[in-house]
Amino acid sequence: MASETEEALPPGAILHDTLNQVSSIISVAQLCLISKEVSPEIQHDLKRIVEMTKAVAANLKRLAETLEEEEEA
């Protein structure tokens, strides 16, 4: 259940926070990719995770831009 402060956030702020979290996931996955201790199978999966997460980030960014445009209108 969300706290009262989370519920009070506007949709744009929630999207911004989520986008930051997605960016952190991408960064961690990319750091794992450059590690020499990760097997090729795991590297392949990490590359897929990075690609999918970047797509999610792009969608969230478009959604945030749409919300901003609607708020301005």
PDB file of N, CA and C in Angstrom:
ATOM      1  N   MET A   1       0.841  -1.180   0.000  1.00  0.00           N
ATOM      2  CA  MET A   1       0.000   0.000   0.000  1.00  0.00           C
ATOM      3  C   MET A   1       0.887   1.244   0.000  1.00  0.00           C
ATOM      4  N   ALA A   2       0.540   2.231  -0.746  1.00  0.00           N
ATOM      5  CA  ALA A   2       1.326   3.459  -0.858  1.00  0.00           C
ATOM      6  C   ALA A   2       1.113   4.329   0.372  1.00  0.00           C
ATOM      7  N   SER A   3       2.164   5.038   0.744  1.00  0.00           N
ATOM      8  CA  SER A   3       2.037   5.955   1.869  1.00  0.00           C
ATOM      9  C   SER A   3       1.277   7.200   1.422  1.00  0.00           C
ATOM     10  N   GLU A   4       0.901   8.025   2.403  1.00  0.00           N
ATOM     11  CA  GLU A   4       0.151   9.240   2.075  1.00  0.00           C
ATOM     12  C   GLU A   4       0.966  10.183   1.206  1.00  0.00           C
ATOM     13  N   THR A   5       2.280  10.249   1.449  1.00  0.00           N
ATOM     14  CA  THR A   5       3.101  11.156   0.646  1.00  0.00           C
ATOM     15  C   THR A   5       3.188  10.671  -0.789  1.00  0.00           C
ATOM     16  N   GLU A   6       3.241   9.359  -1.000  1.00  0.00           N
ATOM     17  CA  GLU A   6       3.265   8.836  -2.359  1.00  0.00           C
ATOM     18  C   GLU A   6       1.953   9.122  -3.075  1.00  0.00           C
ATOM     19  N   GLU A   7       0.842   9.007  -2.372  1.00  0.00           N
ATOM     20  CA  GLU A   7      -0.459   9.248  -2.976  1.00  0.00           C
ATOM     21  C   GLU A   7      -0.629  10.712  -3.356  1.00  0.00           C
ATOM     22  N   ALA A   8       0.064  11.606  -2.654  1.00  0.00           N
ATOM     23  CA  ALA A   8      -0.085  13.031  -2.907  1.00  0.00           C
ATOM     24  C   ALA A   8       0.730  13.495  -4.114  1.00  0.00           C
ATOM     25  N   LEU A   9       1.635  12.660  -4.604  1.00  0.00           N
ATOM     26  CA  LEU A   9       2.468  13.056  -5.741  1.00  0.00           C
ATOM     27  C   LEU A   9       1.642  13.141  -7.014  1.00  0.00           C
ATOM     28  N   PRO A  10       1.907  14.157  -7.825  1.00  0.00           N
ATOM     29  CA  PRO A  10       1.225  14.242  -9.122  1.00  0.00           C
ATOM     30  C   PRO A  10       1.767  13.168 -10.068  1.00  0.00           C
ATOM     31  N   PRO A  11       0.979  12.799 -11.069  1.00  0.00           N
ATOM     32  CA  PRO A  11       1.409  11.749 -12.001  1.00  0.00           C
ATOM     33  C   PRO A  11       2.774  12.015 -12.633  1.00  0.00           C
ATOM     34  N   GLY A  12       3.056  13.267 -12.959  1.00  0.00           N
ATOM     35  CA  GLY A  12       4.345  13.593 -13.567  1.00  0.00           C
ATOM     36  C   GLY A  12       5.514  13.279 -12.647  1.00  0.00           C
ATOM     37  N   ALA A  13       5.344  13.544 -11.358  1.00  0.00           N
ATOM     38  CA  ALA A  13       6.406  13.262 -10.387  1.00  0.00           C
ATOM     39  C   ALA A  13       6.603  11.762 -10.219  1.00  0.00           C
ATOM     40  N   ILE A  14       5.512  11.029 -10.212  1.00  0.00           N
ATOM     41  CA  ILE A  14       5.599   9.571 -10.115  1.00  0.00           C
ATOM     42  C   ILE A  14       6.329   9.016 -11.329  1.00  0.00           C
ATOM     43  N   LEU A  15       5.986   9.525 -12.508  1.00  0.00           N
ATOM     44  CA  LEU A  15       6.669   9.076 -13.726  1.00  0.00           C
ATOM     45  C   LEU A  15       8.147   9.419 -13.685  1.00  0.00           C
ATOM     46  N   HIS A  16       8.475  10.603 -13.195  1.00  0.00           N
ATOM     47  CA  HIS A  16       9.875  11.021 -13.101  1.00  0.00           C
ATOM     48  C   HIS A  16      10.653  10.076 -12.181  1.00  0.00           C
ATOM     49  N   ASP A  17      10.085   9.766 -11.021  1.00  0.00           N
ATOM     50  CA  ASP A  17      10.728   8.839 -10.091  1.00  0.00           C
ATOM     51  C   ASP A  17      10.895   7.458 -10.717  1.00  0.00           C
ATOM     52  N   THR A  18       9.861   7.000 -11.402  1.00  0.00           N
ATOM     53  CA  THR A  18       9.914   5.692 -12.048  1.00  0.00           C
ATOM     54  C   THR A  18      10.974   5.671 -13.134  1.00  0.00           C
ATOM     55  N   LEU A  19      11.071   6.735 -13.894  1.00  0.00           N
ATOM     56  CA  LEU A  19      12.087   6.830 -14.940  1.00  0.00           C
ATOM     57  C   LEU A  19      13.488   6.787 -14.333  1.00  0.00           C
ATOM     58  N   ASN A  20      13.678   7.444 -13.201  1.00  0.00           N
ATOM     59  CA  ASN A  20      14.970   7.380 -12.514  1.00  0.00           C
ATOM     60  C   ASN A  20      15.286   5.961 -12.058  1.00  0.00           C
ATOM     61  N   GLN A  21      14.282   5.250 -11.561  1.00  0.00           N
ATOM     62  CA  GLN A  21      14.487   3.869 -11.138  1.00  0.00           C
ATOM     63  C   GLN A  21      14.843   2.978 -12.321  1.00  0.00           C
ATOM     64  N   VAL A  22      14.171   3.181 -13.442  1.00  0.00           N
ATOM     65  CA  VAL A  22      14.463   2.409 -14.650  1.00  0.00           C
ATOM     66  C   VAL A  22      15.889   2.688 -15.111  1.00  0.00           C
ATOM     67  N   SER A  23      16.308   3.932 -15.050  1.00  0.00           N
ATOM     68  CA  SER A  23      17.678   4.287 -15.428  1.00  0.00           C
ATOM     69  C   SER A  23      18.689   3.588 -14.527  1.00  0.00           C
ATOM     70  N   SER A  24      18.371   3.471 -13.254  1.00  0.00           N
ATOM     71  CA  SER A  24      19.255   2.763 -12.325  1.00  0.00           C
ATOM     72  C   SER A  24      19.355   1.283 -12.676  1.00  0.00           C
ATOM     73  N   ILE A  25      18.236   0.689 -13.055  1.00  0.00           N
ATOM     74  CA  ILE A  25      18.242  -0.718 -13.466  1.00  0.00           C
ATOM     75  C   ILE A  25      19.137  -0.903 -14.683  1.00  0.00           C
ATOM     76  N   ILE A  26      19.020  -0.008 -15.650  1.00  0.00           N
ATOM     77  CA  ILE A  26      19.858  -0.076 -16.852  1.00  0.00           C
ATOM     78  C   ILE A  26      21.334   0.021 -16.463  1.00  0.00           C
ATOM     79  N   SER A  27      21.662   0.939 -15.585  1.00  0.00           N
ATOM     80  CA  SER A  27      23.055   1.125 -15.169  1.00  0.00           C
ATOM     81  C   SER A  27      23.617  -0.126 -14.497  1.00  0.00           C
ATOM     82  N   VAL A  28      22.848  -0.718 -13.601  1.00  0.00           N
ATOM     83  CA  VAL A  28      23.301  -1.931 -12.918  1.00  0.00           C
ATOM     84  C   VAL A  28      23.507  -3.064 -13.919  1.00  0.00           C
ATOM     85  N   ALA A  29      22.571  -3.234 -14.832  1.00  0.00           N
ATOM     86  CA  ALA A  29      22.696  -4.294 -15.834  1.00  0.00           C
ATOM     87  C   ALA A  29      23.916  -4.064 -16.718  1.00  0.00           C
ATOM     88  N   GLN A  30      24.165  -2.814 -17.091  1.00  0.00           N
ATOM     89  CA  GLN A  30      25.334  -2.516 -17.924  1.00  0.00           C
ATOM     90  C   GLN A  30      26.627  -2.772 -17.165  1.00  0.00           C
ATOM     91  N   LEU A  31      26.661  -2.470 -15.878  1.00  0.00           N
ATOM     92  CA  LEU A  31      27.843  -2.775 -15.073  1.00  0.00           C
ATOM     93  C   LEU A  31      28.081  -4.281 -15.005  1.00  0.00           C
ATOM     94  N   CYS A  32      27.009  -5.042 -14.874  1.00  0.00           N
ATOM     95  CA  CYS A  32      27.139  -6.501 -14.864  1.00  0.00           C
ATOM     96  C   CYS A  32      27.668  -7.006 -16.202  1.00  0.00           C
ATOM     97  N   LEU A  33      27.257  -6.367 -17.282  1.00  0.00           N
ATOM     98  CA  LEU A  33      27.706  -6.788 -18.611  1.00  0.00           C
ATOM     99  C   LEU A  33      29.212  -6.638 -18.787  1.00  0.00           C
ATOM    100  N   ILE A  34      29.803  -5.612 -18.200  1.00  0.00           N
ATOM    101  CA  ILE A  34      31.240  -5.414 -18.378  1.00  0.00           C
ATOM    102  C   ILE A  34      32.069  -6.268 -17.416  1.00  0.00           C
ATOM    103  N   SER A  35      31.398  -6.927 -16.479  1.00  0.00           N
ATOM    104  CA  SER A  35      32.096  -7.812 -15.555  1.00  0.00           C
ATOM    105  C   SER A  35      32.571  -9.050 -16.297  1.00  0.00           C
ATOM    106  N   LYS A  36      33.805  -9.432 -16.037  1.00  0.00           N
ATOM    107  CA  LYS A  36      34.381 -10.618 -16.693  1.00  0.00           C
ATOM    108  C   LYS A  36      33.895 -11.911 -16.047  1.00  0.00           C
ATOM    109  N   GLU A  37      33.182 -11.809 -14.939  1.00  0.00           N
ATOM    110  CA  GLU A  37      32.744 -12.987 -14.202  1.00  0.00           C
ATOM    111  C   GLU A  37      31.350 -13.463 -14.603  1.00  0.00           C
ATOM    112  N   VAL A  38      30.748 -12.824 -15.570  1.00  0.00           N
ATOM    113  CA  VAL A  38      29.387 -13.175 -15.982  1.00  0.00           C
ATOM    114  C   VAL A  38      29.460 -14.088 -17.201  1.00  0.00           C
ATOM    115  N   SER A  39      28.719 -15.187 -17.140  1.00  0.00           N
ATOM    116  CA  SER A  39      28.733 -16.153 -18.242  1.00  0.00           C
ATOM    117  C   SER A  39      28.097 -15.549 -19.496  1.00  0.00           C
ATOM    118  N   PRO A  40      28.417 -16.097 -20.669  1.00  0.00           N
ATOM    119  CA  PRO A  40      27.825 -15.589 -21.916  1.00  0.00           C
ATOM    120  C   PRO A  40      26.298 -15.652 -21.922  1.00  0.00           C
ATOM    121  N   GLU A  41      25.733 -16.681 -21.294  1.00  0.00           N
ATOM    122  CA  GLU A  41      24.275 -16.797 -21.242  1.00  0.00           C
ATOM    123  C   GLU A  41      23.671 -15.650 -20.430  1.00  0.00           C
ATOM    124  N   ILE A  42      24.300 -15.359 -19.310  1.00  0.00           N
ATOM    125  CA  ILE A  42      23.818 -14.263 -18.469  1.00  0.00           C
ATOM    126  C   ILE A  42      24.022 -12.929 -19.185  1.00  0.00           C
ATOM    127  N   GLN A  43      25.147 -12.773 -19.879  1.00  0.00           N
ATOM    128  CA  GLN A  43      25.383 -11.545 -20.639  1.00  0.00           C
ATOM    129  C   GLN A  43      24.288 -11.337 -21.676  1.00  0.00           C
ATOM    130  N   HIS A  44      23.903 -12.419 -22.350  1.00  0.00           N
ATOM    131  CA  HIS A  44      22.833 -12.325 -23.349  1.00  0.00           C
ATOM    132  C   HIS A  44      21.531 -11.865 -22.692  1.00  0.00           C
ATOM    133  N   ASP A  45      21.197 -12.467 -21.550  1.00  0.00           N
ATOM    134  CA  ASP A  45      19.976 -12.081 -20.842  1.00  0.00           C
ATOM    135  C   ASP A  45      20.046 -10.630 -20.368  1.00  0.00           C
ATOM    136  N   LEU A  46      21.210 -10.216 -19.886  1.00  0.00           N
ATOM    137  CA  LEU A  46      21.367  -8.833 -19.437  1.00  0.00           C
ATOM    138  C   LEU A  46      21.202  -7.856 -20.592  1.00  0.00           C
ATOM    139  N   LYS A  47      21.719  -8.209 -21.752  1.00  0.00           N
ATOM    140  CA  LYS A  47      21.551  -7.345 -22.927  1.00  0.00           C
ATOM    141  C   LYS A  47      20.069  -7.190 -23.262  1.00  0.00           C
ATOM    142  N   ARG A  48      19.323  -8.296 -23.178  1.00  0.00           N
ATOM    143  CA  ARG A  48      17.878  -8.231 -23.431  1.00  0.00           C
ATOM    144  C   ARG A  48      17.189  -7.355 -22.391  1.00  0.00           C
ATOM    145  N   ILE A  49      17.597  -7.491 -21.129  1.00  0.00           N
ATOM    146  CA  ILE A  49      17.015  -6.670 -20.062  1.00  0.00           C
ATOM    147  C   ILE A  49      17.278  -5.195 -20.329  1.00  0.00           C
ATOM    148  N   VAL A  50      18.511  -4.864 -20.721  1.00  0.00           N
ATOM    149  CA  VAL A  50      18.856  -3.471 -21.012  1.00  0.00           C
ATOM    150  C   VAL A  50      18.001  -2.953 -22.157  1.00  0.00           C
ATOM    151  N   GLU A  51      17.871  -3.739 -23.226  1.00  0.00           N
ATOM    152  CA  GLU A  51      17.075  -3.308 -24.381  1.00  0.00           C
ATOM    153  C   GLU A  51      15.616  -3.080 -23.997  1.00  0.00           C
ATOM    154  N   MET A  52      15.035  -4.036 -23.272  1.00  0.00           N
ATOM    155  CA  MET A  52      13.630  -3.902 -22.881  1.00  0.00           C
ATOM    156  C   MET A  52      13.428  -2.735 -21.918  1.00  0.00           C
ATOM    157  N   THR A  53      14.368  -2.556 -20.996  1.00  0.00           N
ATOM    158  CA  THR A  53      14.239  -1.483 -20.022  1.00  0.00           C
ATOM    159  C   THR A  53      14.384  -0.123 -20.685  1.00  0.00           C
ATOM    160  N   LYS A  54      15.252  -0.029 -21.685  1.00  0.00           N
ATOM    161  CA  LYS A  54      15.371   1.224 -22.438  1.00  0.00           C
ATOM    162  C   LYS A  54      14.068   1.537 -23.167  1.00  0.00           C
ATOM    163  N   ALA A  55      13.401   0.507 -23.684  1.00  0.00           N
ATOM    164  CA  ALA A  55      12.106   0.713 -24.345  1.00  0.00           C
ATOM    165  C   ALA A  55      11.066   1.199 -23.336  1.00  0.00           C
ATOM    166  N   VAL A  56      11.070   0.626 -22.139  1.00  0.00           N
ATOM    167  CA  VAL A  56      10.155   1.065 -21.084  1.00  0.00           C
ATOM    168  C   VAL A  56      10.446   2.523 -20.724  1.00  0.00           C
ATOM    169  N   ALA A  57      11.723   2.869 -20.608  1.00  0.00           N
ATOM    170  CA  ALA A  57      12.098   4.245 -20.278  1.00  0.00           C
ATOM    171  C   ALA A  57      11.612   5.216 -21.350  1.00  0.00           C
ATOM    172  N   ALA A  58      11.745   4.832 -22.604  1.00  0.00           N
ATOM    173  CA  ALA A  58      11.281   5.696 -23.698  1.00  0.00           C
ATOM    174  C   ALA A  58       9.770   5.889 -23.623  1.00  0.00           C
ATOM    175  N   ASN A  59       9.040   4.820 -23.323  1.00  0.00           N
ATOM    176  CA  ASN A  59       7.583   4.924 -23.193  1.00  0.00           C
ATOM    177  C   ASN A  59       7.199   5.821 -22.019  1.00  0.00           C
ATOM    178  N   LEU A  60       7.897   5.670 -20.902  1.00  0.00           N
ATOM    179  CA  LEU A  60       7.614   6.514 -19.740  1.00  0.00           C
ATOM    180  C   LEU A  60       7.908   7.977 -20.039  1.00  0.00           C
ATOM    181  N   LYS A  61       8.976   8.227 -20.768  1.00  0.00           N
ATOM    182  CA  LYS A  61       9.319   9.607 -21.124  1.00  0.00           C
ATOM    183  C   LYS A  61       8.233  10.210 -22.008  1.00  0.00           C
ATOM    184  N   ARG A  62       7.750   9.433 -22.994  1.00  0.00           N
ATOM    185  CA  ARG A  62       6.664   9.928 -23.855  1.00  0.00           C
ATOM    186  C   ARG A  62       5.402  10.179 -23.043  1.00  0.00           C
ATOM    187  N   LEU A  63       5.109   9.287 -22.111  1.00  0.00           N
ATOM    188  CA  LEU A  63       3.932   9.458 -21.266  1.00  0.00           C
ATOM    189  C   LEU A  63       4.060  10.718 -20.410  1.00  0.00           C
ATOM    190  N   ALA A  64       5.241  10.955 -19.852  1.00  0.00           N
ATOM    191  CA  ALA A  64       5.460  12.158 -19.047  1.00  0.00           C
ATOM    192  C   ALA A  64       5.295  13.416 -19.891  1.00  0.00           C
ATOM    193  N   GLU A  65       5.809  13.392 -21.116  1.00  0.00           N
ATOM    194  CA  GLU A  65       5.664  14.547 -22.011  1.00  0.00           C
ATOM    195  C   GLU A  65       4.195  14.792 -22.341  1.00  0.00           C
ATOM    196  N   THR A  66       3.447  13.728 -22.562  1.00  0.00           N
ATOM    197  CA  THR A  66       2.020  13.855 -22.852  1.00  0.00           C
ATOM    198  C   THR A  66       1.282  14.453 -21.657  1.00  0.00           C
ATOM    199  N   LEU A  67       1.614  13.975 -20.460  1.00  0.00           N
ATOM    200  CA  LEU A  67       0.978  14.521 -19.258  1.00  0.00           C
ATOM    201  C   LEU A  67       1.292  16.004 -19.092  1.00  0.00           C
ATOM    202  N   GLU A  68       2.534  16.385 -19.344  1.00  0.00           N
ATOM    203  CA  GLU A  68       2.907  17.799 -19.234  1.00  0.00           C
ATOM    204  C   GLU A  68       2.119  18.646 -20.225  1.00  0.00           C
ATOM    205  N   GLU A  69       1.973  18.148 -21.456  1.00  0.00           N
ATOM    206  CA  GLU A  69       1.214  18.883 -22.470  1.00  0.00           C
ATOM    207  C   GLU A  69      -0.239  19.036 -22.052  1.00  0.00           C
ATOM    208  N   GLU A  70      -0.820  17.972 -21.469  1.00  0.00           N
ATOM    209  CA  GLU A  70      -2.213  18.034 -21.033  1.00  0.00           C
ATOM    210  C   GLU A  70      -2.379  18.998 -19.861  1.00  0.00           C
ATOM    211  N   GLU A  71      -1.386  19.030 -18.959  1.00  0.00           N
ATOM    212  CA  GLU A  71      -1.462  19.942 -17.818  1.00  0.00           C
ATOM    213  C   GLU A  71      -1.362  21.393 -18.269  1.00  0.00           C
ATOM    214  N   GLU A  72      -0.576  21.647 -19.330  1.00  0.00           N
ATOM    215  CA  GLU A  72      -0.419  23.007 -19.843  1.00  0.00           C
ATOM    216  C   GLU A  72      -1.663  23.478 -20.591  1.00  0.00           C
ATOM    217  N   ALA A  73      -2.403  22.534 -21.169  1.00  0.00           N
ATOM    218  CA  ALA A  73      -3.585  22.889 -21.971  1.00  0.00           C
ATOM    219  C   ALA A  73      -4.757  23.297 -21.106  1.00  0.00           C
TER     220      ALA A  73
END
